[in-house]
Amino acid sequence: RSPVTRLASLRIPVMWQGGWWDIFQ
């Protein structure tokens, strides 16, 4: 259930926004 485990398989453009105080920071 962790995207980070298989991120190396992505060969496409990815954009994301996070927050310094986000629960997922």
PDBML (XML) file of the C-alpha atoms, coordinates in Angstrom:
<?xml version="1.0" encoding="UTF-8" ?>
<PDBx:datablock datablockName="MODEL"
   xmlns:PDBx="http://pdbml.pdb.org/schema/pdbx-v50.xsd"
   xmlns:xsi="http://www.w3.org/2001/XMLSchema-instance"
   xsi:schemaLocation="http://pdbml.pdb.org/schema/pdbx-v50.xsd pdbx-v50.xsd">
   <PDBx:atom_siteCategory>
      <PDBx:atom_site id="1">
         <PDBx:B_iso_or_equiv>0.00</PDBx:B_iso_or_equiv>
         <PDBx:Cartn_x>0.000</PDBx:Cartn_x>
         <PDBx:Cartn_y>0.000</PDBx:Cartn_y>
         <PDBx:Cartn_z>0.000</PDBx:Cartn_z>
         <PDBx:auth_asym_id>A</PDBx:auth_asym_id>
         <PDBx:auth_atom_id>CA</PDBx:auth_atom_id>
         <PDBx:auth_comp_id>ARG</PDBx:auth_comp_id>
         <PDBx:auth_seq_id>1</PDBx:auth_seq_id>
         <PDBx:group_PDB>ATOM</PDBx:group_PDB>
         <PDBx:label_alt_id xsi:nil="true" />
         <PDBx:label_asym_id>A</PDBx:label_asym_id>
         <PDBx:label_atom_id>CA</PDBx:label_atom_id>
         <PDBx:label_comp_id>ARG</PDBx:label_comp_id>
         <PDBx:label_entity_id>1</PDBx:label_entity_id>
         <PDBx:label_seq_id>1</PDBx:label_seq_id>
         <PDBx:occupancy>1.00</PDBx:occupancy>
         <PDBx:pdbx_PDB_model_num>1</PDBx:pdbx_PDB_model_num>
         <PDBx:type_symbol>C</PDBx:type_symbol>
      </PDBx:atom_site>
      <PDBx:atom_site id="2">
         <PDBx:B_iso_or_equiv>0.00</PDBx:B_iso_or_equiv>
         <PDBx:Cartn_x>3.040</PDBx:Cartn_x>
         <PDBx:Cartn_y>2.315</PDBx:Cartn_y>
         <PDBx:Cartn_z>-0.111</PDBx:Cartn_z>
         <PDBx:auth_asym_id>A</PDBx:auth_asym_id>
         <PDBx:auth_atom_id>CA</PDBx:auth_atom_id>
         <PDBx:auth_comp_id>SER</PDBx:auth_comp_id>
         <PDBx:auth_seq_id>2</PDBx:auth_seq_id>
         <PDBx:group_PDB>ATOM</PDBx:group_PDB>
         <PDBx:label_alt_id xsi:nil="true" />
         <PDBx:label_asym_id>A</PDBx:label_asym_id>
         <PDBx:label_atom_id>CA</PDBx:label_atom_id>
         <PDBx:label_comp_id>SER</PDBx:label_comp_id>
         <PDBx:label_entity_id>1</PDBx:label_entity_id>
         <PDBx:label_seq_id>2</PDBx:label_seq_id>
         <PDBx:occupancy>1.00</PDBx:occupancy>
         <PDBx:pdbx_PDB_model_num>1</PDBx:pdbx_PDB_model_num>
         <PDBx:type_symbol>C</PDBx:type_symbol>
      </PDBx:atom_site>
      <PDBx:atom_site id="3">
         <PDBx:B_iso_or_equiv>0.00</PDBx:B_iso_or_equiv>
         <PDBx:Cartn_x>3.540</PDBx:Cartn_x>
         <PDBx:Cartn_y>4.139</PDBx:Cartn_y>
         <PDBx:Cartn_z>-3.439</PDBx:Cartn_z>
         <PDBx:auth_asym_id>A</PDBx:auth_asym_id>
         <PDBx:auth_atom_id>CA</PDBx:auth_atom_id>
         <PDBx:auth_comp_id>PRO</PDBx:auth_comp_id>
         <PDBx:auth_seq_id>3</PDBx:auth_seq_id>
         <PDBx:group_PDB>ATOM</PDBx:group_PDB>
         <PDBx:label_alt_id xsi:nil="true" />
         <PDBx:label_asym_id>A</PDBx:label_asym_id>
         <PDBx:label_atom_id>CA</PDBx:label_atom_id>
         <PDBx:label_comp_id>PRO</PDBx:label_comp_id>
         <PDBx:label_entity_id>1</PDBx:label_entity_id>
         <PDBx:label_seq_id>3</PDBx:label_seq_id>
         <PDBx:occupancy>1.00</PDBx:occupancy>
         <PDBx:pdbx_PDB_model_num>1</PDBx:pdbx_PDB_model_num>
         <PDBx:type_symbol>C</PDBx:type_symbol>
      </PDBx:atom_site>
      <PDBx:atom_site id="4">
         <PDBx:B_iso_or_equiv>0.00</PDBx:B_iso_or_equiv>
         <PDBx:Cartn_x>7.211</PDBx:Cartn_x>
         <PDBx:Cartn_y>4.727</PDBx:Cartn_y>
         <PDBx:Cartn_z>-2.605</PDBx:Cartn_z>
         <PDBx:auth_asym_id>A</PDBx:auth_asym_id>
         <PDBx:auth_atom_id>CA</PDBx:auth_atom_id>
         <PDBx:auth_comp_id>VAL</PDBx:auth_comp_id>
         <PDBx:auth_seq_id>4</PDBx:auth_seq_id>
         <PDBx:group_PDB>ATOM</PDBx:group_PDB>
         <PDBx:label_alt_id xsi:nil="true" />
         <PDBx:label_asym_id>A</PDBx:label_asym_id>
         <PDBx:label_atom_id>CA</PDBx:label_atom_id>
         <PDBx:label_comp_id>VAL</PDBx:label_comp_id>
         <PDBx:label_entity_id>1</PDBx:label_entity_id>
         <PDBx:label_seq_id>4</PDBx:label_seq_id>
         <PDBx:occupancy>1.00</PDBx:occupancy>
         <PDBx:pdbx_PDB_model_num>1</PDBx:pdbx_PDB_model_num>
         <PDBx:type_symbol>C</PDBx:type_symbol>
      </PDBx:atom_site>
      <PDBx:atom_site id="5">
         <PDBx:B_iso_or_equiv>0.00</PDBx:B_iso_or_equiv>
         <PDBx:Cartn_x>7.876</PDBx:Cartn_x>
         <PDBx:Cartn_y>0.971</PDBx:Cartn_y>
         <PDBx:Cartn_z>-2.865</PDBx:Cartn_z>
         <PDBx:auth_asym_id>A</PDBx:auth_asym_id>
         <PDBx:auth_atom_id>CA</PDBx:auth_atom_id>
         <PDBx:auth_comp_id>THR</PDBx:auth_comp_id>
         <PDBx:auth_seq_id>5</PDBx:auth_seq_id>
         <PDBx:group_PDB>ATOM</PDBx:group_PDB>
         <PDBx:label_alt_id xsi:nil="true" />
         <PDBx:label_asym_id>A</PDBx:label_asym_id>
         <PDBx:label_atom_id>CA</PDBx:label_atom_id>
         <PDBx:label_comp_id>THR</PDBx:label_comp_id>
         <PDBx:label_entity_id>1</PDBx:label_entity_id>
         <PDBx:label_seq_id>5</PDBx:label_seq_id>
         <PDBx:occupancy>1.00</PDBx:occupancy>
         <PDBx:pdbx_PDB_model_num>1</PDBx:pdbx_PDB_model_num>
         <PDBx:type_symbol>C</PDBx:type_symbol>
      </PDBx:atom_site>
      <PDBx:atom_site id="6">
         <PDBx:B_iso_or_equiv>0.00</PDBx:B_iso_or_equiv>
         <PDBx:Cartn_x>7.369</PDBx:Cartn_x>
         <PDBx:Cartn_y>0.932</PDBx:Cartn_y>
         <PDBx:Cartn_z>-6.646</PDBx:Cartn_z>
         <PDBx:auth_asym_id>A</PDBx:auth_asym_id>
         <PDBx:auth_atom_id>CA</PDBx:auth_atom_id>
         <PDBx:auth_comp_id>ARG</PDBx:auth_comp_id>
         <PDBx:auth_seq_id>6</PDBx:auth_seq_id>
         <PDBx:group_PDB>ATOM</PDBx:group_PDB>
         <PDBx:label_alt_id xsi:nil="true" />
         <PDBx:label_asym_id>A</PDBx:label_asym_id>
         <PDBx:label_atom_id>CA</PDBx:label_atom_id>
         <PDBx:label_comp_id>ARG</PDBx:label_comp_id>
         <PDBx:label_entity_id>1</PDBx:label_entity_id>
         <PDBx:label_seq_id>6</PDBx:label_seq_id>
         <PDBx:occupancy>1.00</PDBx:occupancy>
         <PDBx:pdbx_PDB_model_num>1</PDBx:pdbx_PDB_model_num>
         <PDBx:type_symbol>C</PDBx:type_symbol>
      </PDBx:atom_site>
      <PDBx:atom_site id="7">
         <PDBx:B_iso_or_equiv>0.00</PDBx:B_iso_or_equiv>
         <PDBx:Cartn_x>8.044</PDBx:Cartn_x>
         <PDBx:Cartn_y>4.537</PDBx:Cartn_y>
         <PDBx:Cartn_z>-7.673</PDBx:Cartn_z>
         <PDBx:auth_asym_id>A</PDBx:auth_asym_id>
         <PDBx:auth_atom_id>CA</PDBx:auth_atom_id>
         <PDBx:auth_comp_id>LEU</PDBx:auth_comp_id>
         <PDBx:auth_seq_id>7</PDBx:auth_seq_id>
         <PDBx:group_PDB>ATOM</PDBx:group_PDB>
         <PDBx:label_alt_id xsi:nil="true" />
         <PDBx:label_asym_id>A</PDBx:label_asym_id>
         <PDBx:label_atom_id>CA</PDBx:label_atom_id>
         <PDBx:label_comp_id>LEU</PDBx:label_comp_id>
         <PDBx:label_entity_id>1</PDBx:label_entity_id>
         <PDBx:label_seq_id>7</PDBx:label_seq_id>
         <PDBx:occupancy>1.00</PDBx:occupancy>
         <PDBx:pdbx_PDB_model_num>1</PDBx:pdbx_PDB_model_num>
         <PDBx:type_symbol>C</PDBx:type_symbol>
      </PDBx:atom_site>
      <PDBx:atom_site id="8">
         <PDBx:B_iso_or_equiv>0.00</PDBx:B_iso_or_equiv>
         <PDBx:Cartn_x>11.063</PDBx:Cartn_x>
         <PDBx:Cartn_y>3.476</PDBx:Cartn_y>
         <PDBx:Cartn_z>-9.712</PDBx:Cartn_z>
         <PDBx:auth_asym_id>A</PDBx:auth_asym_id>
         <PDBx:auth_atom_id>CA</PDBx:auth_atom_id>
         <PDBx:auth_comp_id>ALA</PDBx:auth_comp_id>
         <PDBx:auth_seq_id>8</PDBx:auth_seq_id>
         <PDBx:group_PDB>ATOM</PDBx:group_PDB>
         <PDBx:label_alt_id xsi:nil="true" />
         <PDBx:label_asym_id>A</PDBx:label_asym_id>
         <PDBx:label_atom_id>CA</PDBx:label_atom_id>
         <PDBx:label_comp_id>ALA</PDBx:label_comp_id>
         <PDBx:label_entity_id>1</PDBx:label_entity_id>
         <PDBx:label_seq_id>8</PDBx:label_seq_id>
         <PDBx:occupancy>1.00</PDBx:occupancy>
         <PDBx:pdbx_PDB_model_num>1</PDBx:pdbx_PDB_model_num>
         <PDBx:type_symbol>C</PDBx:type_symbol>
      </PDBx:atom_site>
      <PDBx:atom_site id="9">
         <PDBx:B_iso_or_equiv>0.00</PDBx:B_iso_or_equiv>
         <PDBx:Cartn_x>8.641</PDBx:Cartn_x>
         <PDBx:Cartn_y>1.772</PDBx:Cartn_y>
         <PDBx:Cartn_z>-12.134</PDBx:Cartn_z>
         <PDBx:auth_asym_id>A</PDBx:auth_asym_id>
         <PDBx:auth_atom_id>CA</PDBx:auth_atom_id>
         <PDBx:auth_comp_id>SER</PDBx:auth_comp_id>
         <PDBx:auth_seq_id>9</PDBx:auth_seq_id>
         <PDBx:group_PDB>ATOM</PDBx:group_PDB>
         <PDBx:label_alt_id xsi:nil="true" />
         <PDBx:label_asym_id>A</PDBx:label_asym_id>
         <PDBx:label_atom_id>CA</PDBx:label_atom_id>
         <PDBx:label_comp_id>SER</PDBx:label_comp_id>
         <PDBx:label_entity_id>1</PDBx:label_entity_id>
         <PDBx:label_seq_id>9</PDBx:label_seq_id>
         <PDBx:occupancy>1.00</PDBx:occupancy>
         <PDBx:pdbx_PDB_model_num>1</PDBx:pdbx_PDB_model_num>
         <PDBx:type_symbol>C</PDBx:type_symbol>
      </PDBx:atom_site>
      <PDBx:atom_site id="10">
         <PDBx:B_iso_or_equiv>0.00</PDBx:B_iso_or_equiv>
         <PDBx:Cartn_x>7.184</PDBx:Cartn_x>
         <PDBx:Cartn_y>5.150</PDBx:Cartn_y>
         <PDBx:Cartn_z>-13.185</PDBx:Cartn_z>
         <PDBx:auth_asym_id>A</PDBx:auth_asym_id>
         <PDBx:auth_atom_id>CA</PDBx:auth_atom_id>
         <PDBx:auth_comp_id>LEU</PDBx:auth_comp_id>
         <PDBx:auth_seq_id>10</PDBx:auth_seq_id>
         <PDBx:group_PDB>ATOM</PDBx:group_PDB>
         <PDBx:label_alt_id xsi:nil="true" />
         <PDBx:label_asym_id>A</PDBx:label_asym_id>
         <PDBx:label_atom_id>CA</PDBx:label_atom_id>
         <PDBx:label_comp_id>LEU</PDBx:label_comp_id>
         <PDBx:label_entity_id>1</PDBx:label_entity_id>
         <PDBx:label_seq_id>10</PDBx:label_seq_id>
         <PDBx:occupancy>1.00</PDBx:occupancy>
         <PDBx:pdbx_PDB_model_num>1</PDBx:pdbx_PDB_model_num>
         <PDBx:type_symbol>C</PDBx:type_symbol>
      </PDBx:atom_site>
      <PDBx:atom_site id="11">
         <PDBx:B_iso_or_equiv>0.00</PDBx:B_iso_or_equiv>
         <PDBx:Cartn_x>8.513</PDBx:Cartn_x>
         <PDBx:Cartn_y>6.468</PDBx:Cartn_y>
         <PDBx:Cartn_z>-16.469</PDBx:Cartn_z>
         <PDBx:auth_asym_id>A</PDBx:auth_asym_id>
         <PDBx:auth_atom_id>CA</PDBx:auth_atom_id>
         <PDBx:auth_comp_id>ARG</PDBx:auth_comp_id>
         <PDBx:auth_seq_id>11</PDBx:auth_seq_id>
         <PDBx:group_PDB>ATOM</PDBx:group_PDB>
         <PDBx:label_alt_id xsi:nil="true" />
         <PDBx:label_asym_id>A</PDBx:label_asym_id>
         <PDBx:label_atom_id>CA</PDBx:label_atom_id>
         <PDBx:label_comp_id>ARG</PDBx:label_comp_id>
         <PDBx:label_entity_id>1</PDBx:label_entity_id>
         <PDBx:label_seq_id>11</PDBx:label_seq_id>
         <PDBx:occupancy>1.00</PDBx:occupancy>
         <PDBx:pdbx_PDB_model_num>1</PDBx:pdbx_PDB_model_num>
         <PDBx:type_symbol>C</PDBx:type_symbol>
      </PDBx:atom_site>
      <PDBx:atom_site id="12">
         <PDBx:B_iso_or_equiv>0.00</PDBx:B_iso_or_equiv>
         <PDBx:Cartn_x>5.939</PDBx:Cartn_x>
         <PDBx:Cartn_y>9.206</PDBx:Cartn_y>
         <PDBx:Cartn_z>-16.889</PDBx:Cartn_z>
         <PDBx:auth_asym_id>A</PDBx:auth_asym_id>
         <PDBx:auth_atom_id>CA</PDBx:auth_atom_id>
         <PDBx:auth_comp_id>ILE</PDBx:auth_comp_id>
         <PDBx:auth_seq_id>12</PDBx:auth_seq_id>
         <PDBx:group_PDB>ATOM</PDBx:group_PDB>
         <PDBx:label_alt_id xsi:nil="true" />
         <PDBx:label_asym_id>A</PDBx:label_asym_id>
         <PDBx:label_atom_id>CA</PDBx:label_atom_id>
         <PDBx:label_comp_id>ILE</PDBx:label_comp_id>
         <PDBx:label_entity_id>1</PDBx:label_entity_id>
         <PDBx:label_seq_id>12</PDBx:label_seq_id>
         <PDBx:occupancy>1.00</PDBx:occupancy>
         <PDBx:pdbx_PDB_model_num>1</PDBx:pdbx_PDB_model_num>
         <PDBx:type_symbol>C</PDBx:type_symbol>
      </PDBx:atom_site>
      <PDBx:atom_site id="13">
         <PDBx:B_iso_or_equiv>0.00</PDBx:B_iso_or_equiv>
         <PDBx:Cartn_x>5.700</PDBx:Cartn_x>
         <PDBx:Cartn_y>12.866</PDBx:Cartn_y>
         <PDBx:Cartn_z>-15.781</PDBx:Cartn_z>
         <PDBx:auth_asym_id>A</PDBx:auth_asym_id>
         <PDBx:auth_atom_id>CA</PDBx:auth_atom_id>
         <PDBx:auth_comp_id>PRO</PDBx:auth_comp_id>
         <PDBx:auth_seq_id>13</PDBx:auth_seq_id>
         <PDBx:group_PDB>ATOM</PDBx:group_PDB>
         <PDBx:label_alt_id xsi:nil="true" />
         <PDBx:label_asym_id>A</PDBx:label_asym_id>
         <PDBx:label_atom_id>CA</PDBx:label_atom_id>
         <PDBx:label_comp_id>PRO</PDBx:label_comp_id>
         <PDBx:label_entity_id>1</PDBx:label_entity_id>
         <PDBx:label_seq_id>13</PDBx:label_seq_id>
         <PDBx:occupancy>1.00</PDBx:occupancy>
         <PDBx:pdbx_PDB_model_num>1</PDBx:pdbx_PDB_model_num>
         <PDBx:type_symbol>C</PDBx:type_symbol>
      </PDBx:atom_site>
      <PDBx:atom_site id="14">
         <PDBx:B_iso_or_equiv>0.00</PDBx:B_iso_or_equiv>
         <PDBx:Cartn_x>4.506</PDBx:Cartn_x>
         <PDBx:Cartn_y>13.300</PDBx:Cartn_y>
         <PDBx:Cartn_z>-12.188</PDBx:Cartn_z>
         <PDBx:auth_asym_id>A</PDBx:auth_asym_id>
         <PDBx:auth_atom_id>CA</PDBx:auth_atom_id>
         <PDBx:auth_comp_id>VAL</PDBx:auth_comp_id>
         <PDBx:auth_seq_id>14</PDBx:auth_seq_id>
         <PDBx:group_PDB>ATOM</PDBx:group_PDB>
         <PDBx:label_alt_id xsi:nil="true" />
         <PDBx:label_asym_id>A</PDBx:label_asym_id>
         <PDBx:label_atom_id>CA</PDBx:label_atom_id>
         <PDBx:label_comp_id>VAL</PDBx:label_comp_id>
         <PDBx:label_entity_id>1</PDBx:label_entity_id>
         <PDBx:label_seq_id>14</PDBx:label_seq_id>
         <PDBx:occupancy>1.00</PDBx:occupancy>
         <PDBx:pdbx_PDB_model_num>1</PDBx:pdbx_PDB_model_num>
         <PDBx:type_symbol>C</PDBx:type_symbol>
      </PDBx:atom_site>
      <PDBx:atom_site id="15">
         <PDBx:B_iso_or_equiv>0.00</PDBx:B_iso_or_equiv>
         <PDBx:Cartn_x>3.608</PDBx:Cartn_x>
         <PDBx:Cartn_y>16.523</PDBx:Cartn_y>
         <PDBx:Cartn_z>-10.379</PDBx:Cartn_z>
         <PDBx:auth_asym_id>A</PDBx:auth_asym_id>
         <PDBx:auth_atom_id>CA</PDBx:auth_atom_id>
         <PDBx:auth_comp_id>MET</PDBx:auth_comp_id>
         <PDBx:auth_seq_id>15</PDBx:auth_seq_id>
         <PDBx:group_PDB>ATOM</PDBx:group_PDB>
         <PDBx:label_alt_id xsi:nil="true" />
         <PDBx:label_asym_id>A</PDBx:label_asym_id>
         <PDBx:label_atom_id>CA</PDBx:label_atom_id>
         <PDBx:label_comp_id>MET</PDBx:label_comp_id>
         <PDBx:label_entity_id>1</PDBx:label_entity_id>
         <PDBx:label_seq_id>15</PDBx:label_seq_id>
         <PDBx:occupancy>1.00</PDBx:occupancy>
         <PDBx:pdbx_PDB_model_num>1</PDBx:pdbx_PDB_model_num>
         <PDBx:type_symbol>C</PDBx:type_symbol>
      </PDBx:atom_site>
      <PDBx:atom_site id="16">
         <PDBx:B_iso_or_equiv>0.00</PDBx:B_iso_or_equiv>
         <PDBx:Cartn_x>2.698</PDBx:Cartn_x>
         <PDBx:Cartn_y>16.691</PDBx:Cartn_y>
         <PDBx:Cartn_z>-6.703</PDBx:Cartn_z>
         <PDBx:auth_asym_id>A</PDBx:auth_asym_id>
         <PDBx:auth_atom_id>CA</PDBx:auth_atom_id>
         <PDBx:auth_comp_id>TRP</PDBx:auth_comp_id>
         <PDBx:auth_seq_id>16</PDBx:auth_seq_id>
         <PDBx:group_PDB>ATOM</PDBx:group_PDB>
         <PDBx:label_alt_id xsi:nil="true" />
         <PDBx:label_asym_id>A</PDBx:label_asym_id>
         <PDBx:label_atom_id>CA</PDBx:label_atom_id>
         <PDBx:label_comp_id>TRP</PDBx:label_comp_id>
         <PDBx:label_entity_id>1</PDBx:label_entity_id>
         <PDBx:label_seq_id>16</PDBx:label_seq_id>
         <PDBx:occupancy>1.00</PDBx:occupancy>
         <PDBx:pdbx_PDB_model_num>1</PDBx:pdbx_PDB_model_num>
         <PDBx:type_symbol>C</PDBx:type_symbol>
      </PDBx:atom_site>
      <PDBx:atom_site id="17">
         <PDBx:B_iso_or_equiv>0.00</PDBx:B_iso_or_equiv>
         <PDBx:Cartn_x>2.175</PDBx:Cartn_x>
         <PDBx:Cartn_y>19.238</PDBx:Cartn_y>
         <PDBx:Cartn_z>-3.975</PDBx:Cartn_z>
         <PDBx:auth_asym_id>A</PDBx:auth_asym_id>
         <PDBx:auth_atom_id>CA</PDBx:auth_atom_id>
         <PDBx:auth_comp_id>GLN</PDBx:auth_comp_id>
         <PDBx:auth_seq_id>17</PDBx:auth_seq_id>
         <PDBx:group_PDB>ATOM</PDBx:group_PDB>
         <PDBx:label_alt_id xsi:nil="true" />
         <PDBx:label_asym_id>A</PDBx:label_asym_id>
         <PDBx:label_atom_id>CA</PDBx:label_atom_id>
         <PDBx:label_comp_id>GLN</PDBx:label_comp_id>
         <PDBx:label_entity_id>1</PDBx:label_entity_id>
         <PDBx:label_seq_id>17</PDBx:label_seq_id>
         <PDBx:occupancy>1.00</PDBx:occupancy>
         <PDBx:pdbx_PDB_model_num>1</PDBx:pdbx_PDB_model_num>
         <PDBx:type_symbol>C</PDBx:type_symbol>
      </PDBx:atom_site>
      <PDBx:atom_site id="18">
         <PDBx:B_iso_or_equiv>0.00</PDBx:B_iso_or_equiv>
         <PDBx:Cartn_x>2.804</PDBx:Cartn_x>
         <PDBx:Cartn_y>18.670</PDBx:Cartn_y>
         <PDBx:Cartn_z>-0.288</PDBx:Cartn_z>
         <PDBx:auth_asym_id>A</PDBx:auth_asym_id>
         <PDBx:auth_atom_id>CA</PDBx:auth_atom_id>
         <PDBx:auth_comp_id>GLY</PDBx:auth_comp_id>
         <PDBx:auth_seq_id>18</PDBx:auth_seq_id>
         <PDBx:group_PDB>ATOM</PDBx:group_PDB>
         <PDBx:label_alt_id xsi:nil="true" />
         <PDBx:label_asym_id>A</PDBx:label_asym_id>
         <PDBx:label_atom_id>CA</PDBx:label_atom_id>
         <PDBx:label_comp_id>GLY</PDBx:label_comp_id>
         <PDBx:label_entity_id>1</PDBx:label_entity_id>
         <PDBx:label_seq_id>18</PDBx:label_seq_id>
         <PDBx:occupancy>1.00</PDBx:occupancy>
         <PDBx:pdbx_PDB_model_num>1</PDBx:pdbx_PDB_model_num>
         <PDBx:type_symbol>C</PDBx:type_symbol>
      </PDBx:atom_site>
      <PDBx:atom_site id="19">
         <PDBx:B_iso_or_equiv>0.00</PDBx:B_iso_or_equiv>
         <PDBx:Cartn_x>2.623</PDBx:Cartn_x>
         <PDBx:Cartn_y>20.724</PDBx:Cartn_y>
         <PDBx:Cartn_z>2.887</PDBx:Cartn_z>
         <PDBx:auth_asym_id>A</PDBx:auth_asym_id>
         <PDBx:auth_atom_id>CA</PDBx:auth_atom_id>
         <PDBx:auth_comp_id>GLY</PDBx:auth_comp_id>
         <PDBx:auth_seq_id>19</PDBx:auth_seq_id>
         <PDBx:group_PDB>ATOM</PDBx:group_PDB>
         <PDBx:label_alt_id xsi:nil="true" />
         <PDBx:label_asym_id>A</PDBx:label_asym_id>
         <PDBx:label_atom_id>CA</PDBx:label_atom_id>
         <PDBx:label_comp_id>GLY</PDBx:label_comp_id>
         <PDBx:label_entity_id>1</PDBx:label_entity_id>
         <PDBx:label_seq_id>19</PDBx:label_seq_id>
         <PDBx:occupancy>1.00</PDBx:occupancy>
         <PDBx:pdbx_PDB_model_num>1</PDBx:pdbx_PDB_model_num>
         <PDBx:type_symbol>C</PDBx:type_symbol>
      </PDBx:atom_site>
      <PDBx:atom_site id="20">
         <PDBx:B_iso_or_equiv>0.00</PDBx:B_iso_or_equiv>
         <PDBx:Cartn_x>5.258</PDBx:Cartn_x>
         <PDBx:Cartn_y>21.433</PDBx:Cartn_y>
         <PDBx:Cartn_z>5.504</PDBx:Cartn_z>
         <PDBx:auth_asym_id>A</PDBx:auth_asym_id>
         <PDBx:auth_atom_id>CA</PDBx:auth_atom_id>
         <PDBx:auth_comp_id>TRP</PDBx:auth_comp_id>
         <PDBx:auth_seq_id>20</PDBx:auth_seq_id>
         <PDBx:group_PDB>ATOM</PDBx:group_PDB>
         <PDBx:label_alt_id xsi:nil="true" />
         <PDBx:label_asym_id>A</PDBx:label_asym_id>
         <PDBx:label_atom_id>CA</PDBx:label_atom_id>
         <PDBx:label_comp_id>TRP</PDBx:label_comp_id>
         <PDBx:label_entity_id>1</PDBx:label_entity_id>
         <PDBx:label_seq_id>20</PDBx:label_seq_id>
         <PDBx:occupancy>1.00</PDBx:occupancy>
         <PDBx:pdbx_PDB_model_num>1</PDBx:pdbx_PDB_model_num>
         <PDBx:type_symbol>C</PDBx:type_symbol>
      </PDBx:atom_site>
      <PDBx:atom_site id="21">
         <PDBx:B_iso_or_equiv>0.00</PDBx:B_iso_or_equiv>
         <PDBx:Cartn_x>2.653</PDBx:Cartn_x>
         <PDBx:Cartn_y>20.639</PDBx:Cartn_y>
         <PDBx:Cartn_z>8.185</PDBx:Cartn_z>
         <PDBx:auth_asym_id>A</PDBx:auth_asym_id>
         <PDBx:auth_atom_id>CA</PDBx:auth_atom_id>
         <PDBx:auth_comp_id>TRP</PDBx:auth_comp_id>
         <PDBx:auth_seq_id>21</PDBx:auth_seq_id>
         <PDBx:group_PDB>ATOM</PDBx:group_PDB>
         <PDBx:label_alt_id xsi:nil="true" />
         <PDBx:label_asym_id>A</PDBx:label_asym_id>
         <PDBx:label_atom_id>CA</PDBx:label_atom_id>
         <PDBx:label_comp_id>TRP</PDBx:label_comp_id>
         <PDBx:label_entity_id>1</PDBx:label_entity_id>
         <PDBx:label_seq_id>21</PDBx:label_seq_id>
         <PDBx:occupancy>1.00</PDBx:occupancy>
         <PDBx:pdbx_PDB_model_num>1</PDBx:pdbx_PDB_model_num>
         <PDBx:type_symbol>C</PDBx:type_symbol>
      </PDBx:atom_site>
      <PDBx:atom_site id="22">
         <PDBx:B_iso_or_equiv>0.00</PDBx:B_iso_or_equiv>
         <PDBx:Cartn_x>0.802</PDBx:Cartn_x>
         <PDBx:Cartn_y>17.958</PDBx:Cartn_y>
         <PDBx:Cartn_z>6.247</PDBx:Cartn_z>
         <PDBx:auth_asym_id>A</PDBx:auth_asym_id>
         <PDBx:auth_atom_id>CA</PDBx:auth_atom_id>
         <PDBx:auth_comp_id>ASP</PDBx:auth_comp_id>
         <PDBx:auth_seq_id>22</PDBx:auth_seq_id>
         <PDBx:group_PDB>ATOM</PDBx:group_PDB>
         <PDBx:label_alt_id xsi:nil="true" />
         <PDBx:label_asym_id>A</PDBx:label_asym_id>
         <PDBx:label_atom_id>CA</PDBx:label_atom_id>
         <PDBx:label_comp_id>ASP</PDBx:label_comp_id>
         <PDBx:label_entity_id>1</PDBx:label_entity_id>
         <PDBx:label_seq_id>22</PDBx:label_seq_id>
         <PDBx:occupancy>1.00</PDBx:occupancy>
         <PDBx:pdbx_PDB_model_num>1</PDBx:pdbx_PDB_model_num>
         <PDBx:type_symbol>C</PDBx:type_symbol>
      </PDBx:atom_site>
      <PDBx:atom_site id="23">
         <PDBx:B_iso_or_equiv>0.00</PDBx:B_iso_or_equiv>
         <PDBx:Cartn_x>0.291</PDBx:Cartn_x>
         <PDBx:Cartn_y>14.626</PDBx:Cartn_y>
         <PDBx:Cartn_z>7.966</PDBx:Cartn_z>
         <PDBx:auth_asym_id>A</PDBx:auth_asym_id>
         <PDBx:auth_atom_id>CA</PDBx:auth_atom_id>
         <PDBx:auth_comp_id>ILE</PDBx:auth_comp_id>
         <PDBx:auth_seq_id>23</PDBx:auth_seq_id>
         <PDBx:group_PDB>ATOM</PDBx:group_PDB>
         <PDBx:label_alt_id xsi:nil="true" />
         <PDBx:label_asym_id>A</PDBx:label_asym_id>
         <PDBx:label_atom_id>CA</PDBx:label_atom_id>
         <PDBx:label_comp_id>ILE</PDBx:label_comp_id>
         <PDBx:label_entity_id>1</PDBx:label_entity_id>
         <PDBx:label_seq_id>23</PDBx:label_seq_id>
         <PDBx:occupancy>1.00</PDBx:occupancy>
         <PDBx:pdbx_PDB_model_num>1</PDBx:pdbx_PDB_model_num>
         <PDBx:type_symbol>C</PDBx:type_symbol>
      </PDBx:atom_site>
      <PDBx:atom_site id="24">
         <PDBx:B_iso_or_equiv>0.00</PDBx:B_iso_or_equiv>
         <PDBx:Cartn_x>2.269</PDBx:Cartn_x>
         <PDBx:Cartn_y>13.095</PDBx:Cartn_y>
         <PDBx:Cartn_z>5.066</PDBx:Cartn_z>
         <PDBx:auth_asym_id>A</PDBx:auth_asym_id>
         <PDBx:auth_atom_id>CA</PDBx:auth_atom_id>
         <PDBx:auth_comp_id>PHE</PDBx:auth_comp_id>
         <PDBx:auth_seq_id>24</PDBx:auth_seq_id>
         <PDBx:group_PDB>ATOM</PDBx:group_PDB>
         <PDBx:label_alt_id xsi:nil="true" />
         <PDBx:label_asym_id>A</PDBx:label_asym_id>
         <PDBx:label_atom_id>CA</PDBx:label_atom_id>
         <PDBx:label_comp_id>PHE</PDBx:label_comp_id>
         <PDBx:label_entity_id>1</PDBx:label_entity_id>
         <PDBx:label_seq_id>24</PDBx:label_seq_id>
         <PDBx:occupancy>1.00</PDBx:occupancy>
         <PDBx:pdbx_PDB_model_num>1</PDBx:pdbx_PDB_model_num>
         <PDBx:type_symbol>C</PDBx:type_symbol>
      </PDBx:atom_site>
      <PDBx:atom_site id="25">
         <PDBx:B_iso_or_equiv>0.00</PDBx:B_iso_or_equiv>
         <PDBx:Cartn_x>5.102</PDBx:Cartn_x>
         <PDBx:Cartn_y>15.662</PDBx:Cartn_y>
         <PDBx:Cartn_z>5.225</PDBx:Cartn_z>
         <PDBx:auth_asym_id>A</PDBx:auth_asym_id>
         <PDBx:auth_atom_id>CA</PDBx:auth_atom_id>
         <PDBx:auth_comp_id>GLN</PDBx:auth_comp_id>
         <PDBx:auth_seq_id>25</PDBx:auth_seq_id>
         <PDBx:group_PDB>ATOM</PDBx:group_PDB>
         <PDBx:label_alt_id xsi:nil="true" />
         <PDBx:label_asym_id>A</PDBx:label_asym_id>
         <PDBx:label_atom_id>CA</PDBx:label_atom_id>
         <PDBx:label_comp_id>GLN</PDBx:label_comp_id>
         <PDBx:label_entity_id>1</PDBx:label_entity_id>
         <PDBx:label_seq_id>25</PDBx:label_seq_id>
         <PDBx:occupancy>1.00</PDBx:occupancy>
         <PDBx:pdbx_PDB_model_num>1</PDBx:pdbx_PDB_model_num>
         <PDBx:type_symbol>C</PDBx:type_symbol>
      </PDBx:atom_site>
   </PDBx:atom_siteCategory>
</PDBx:datablock>
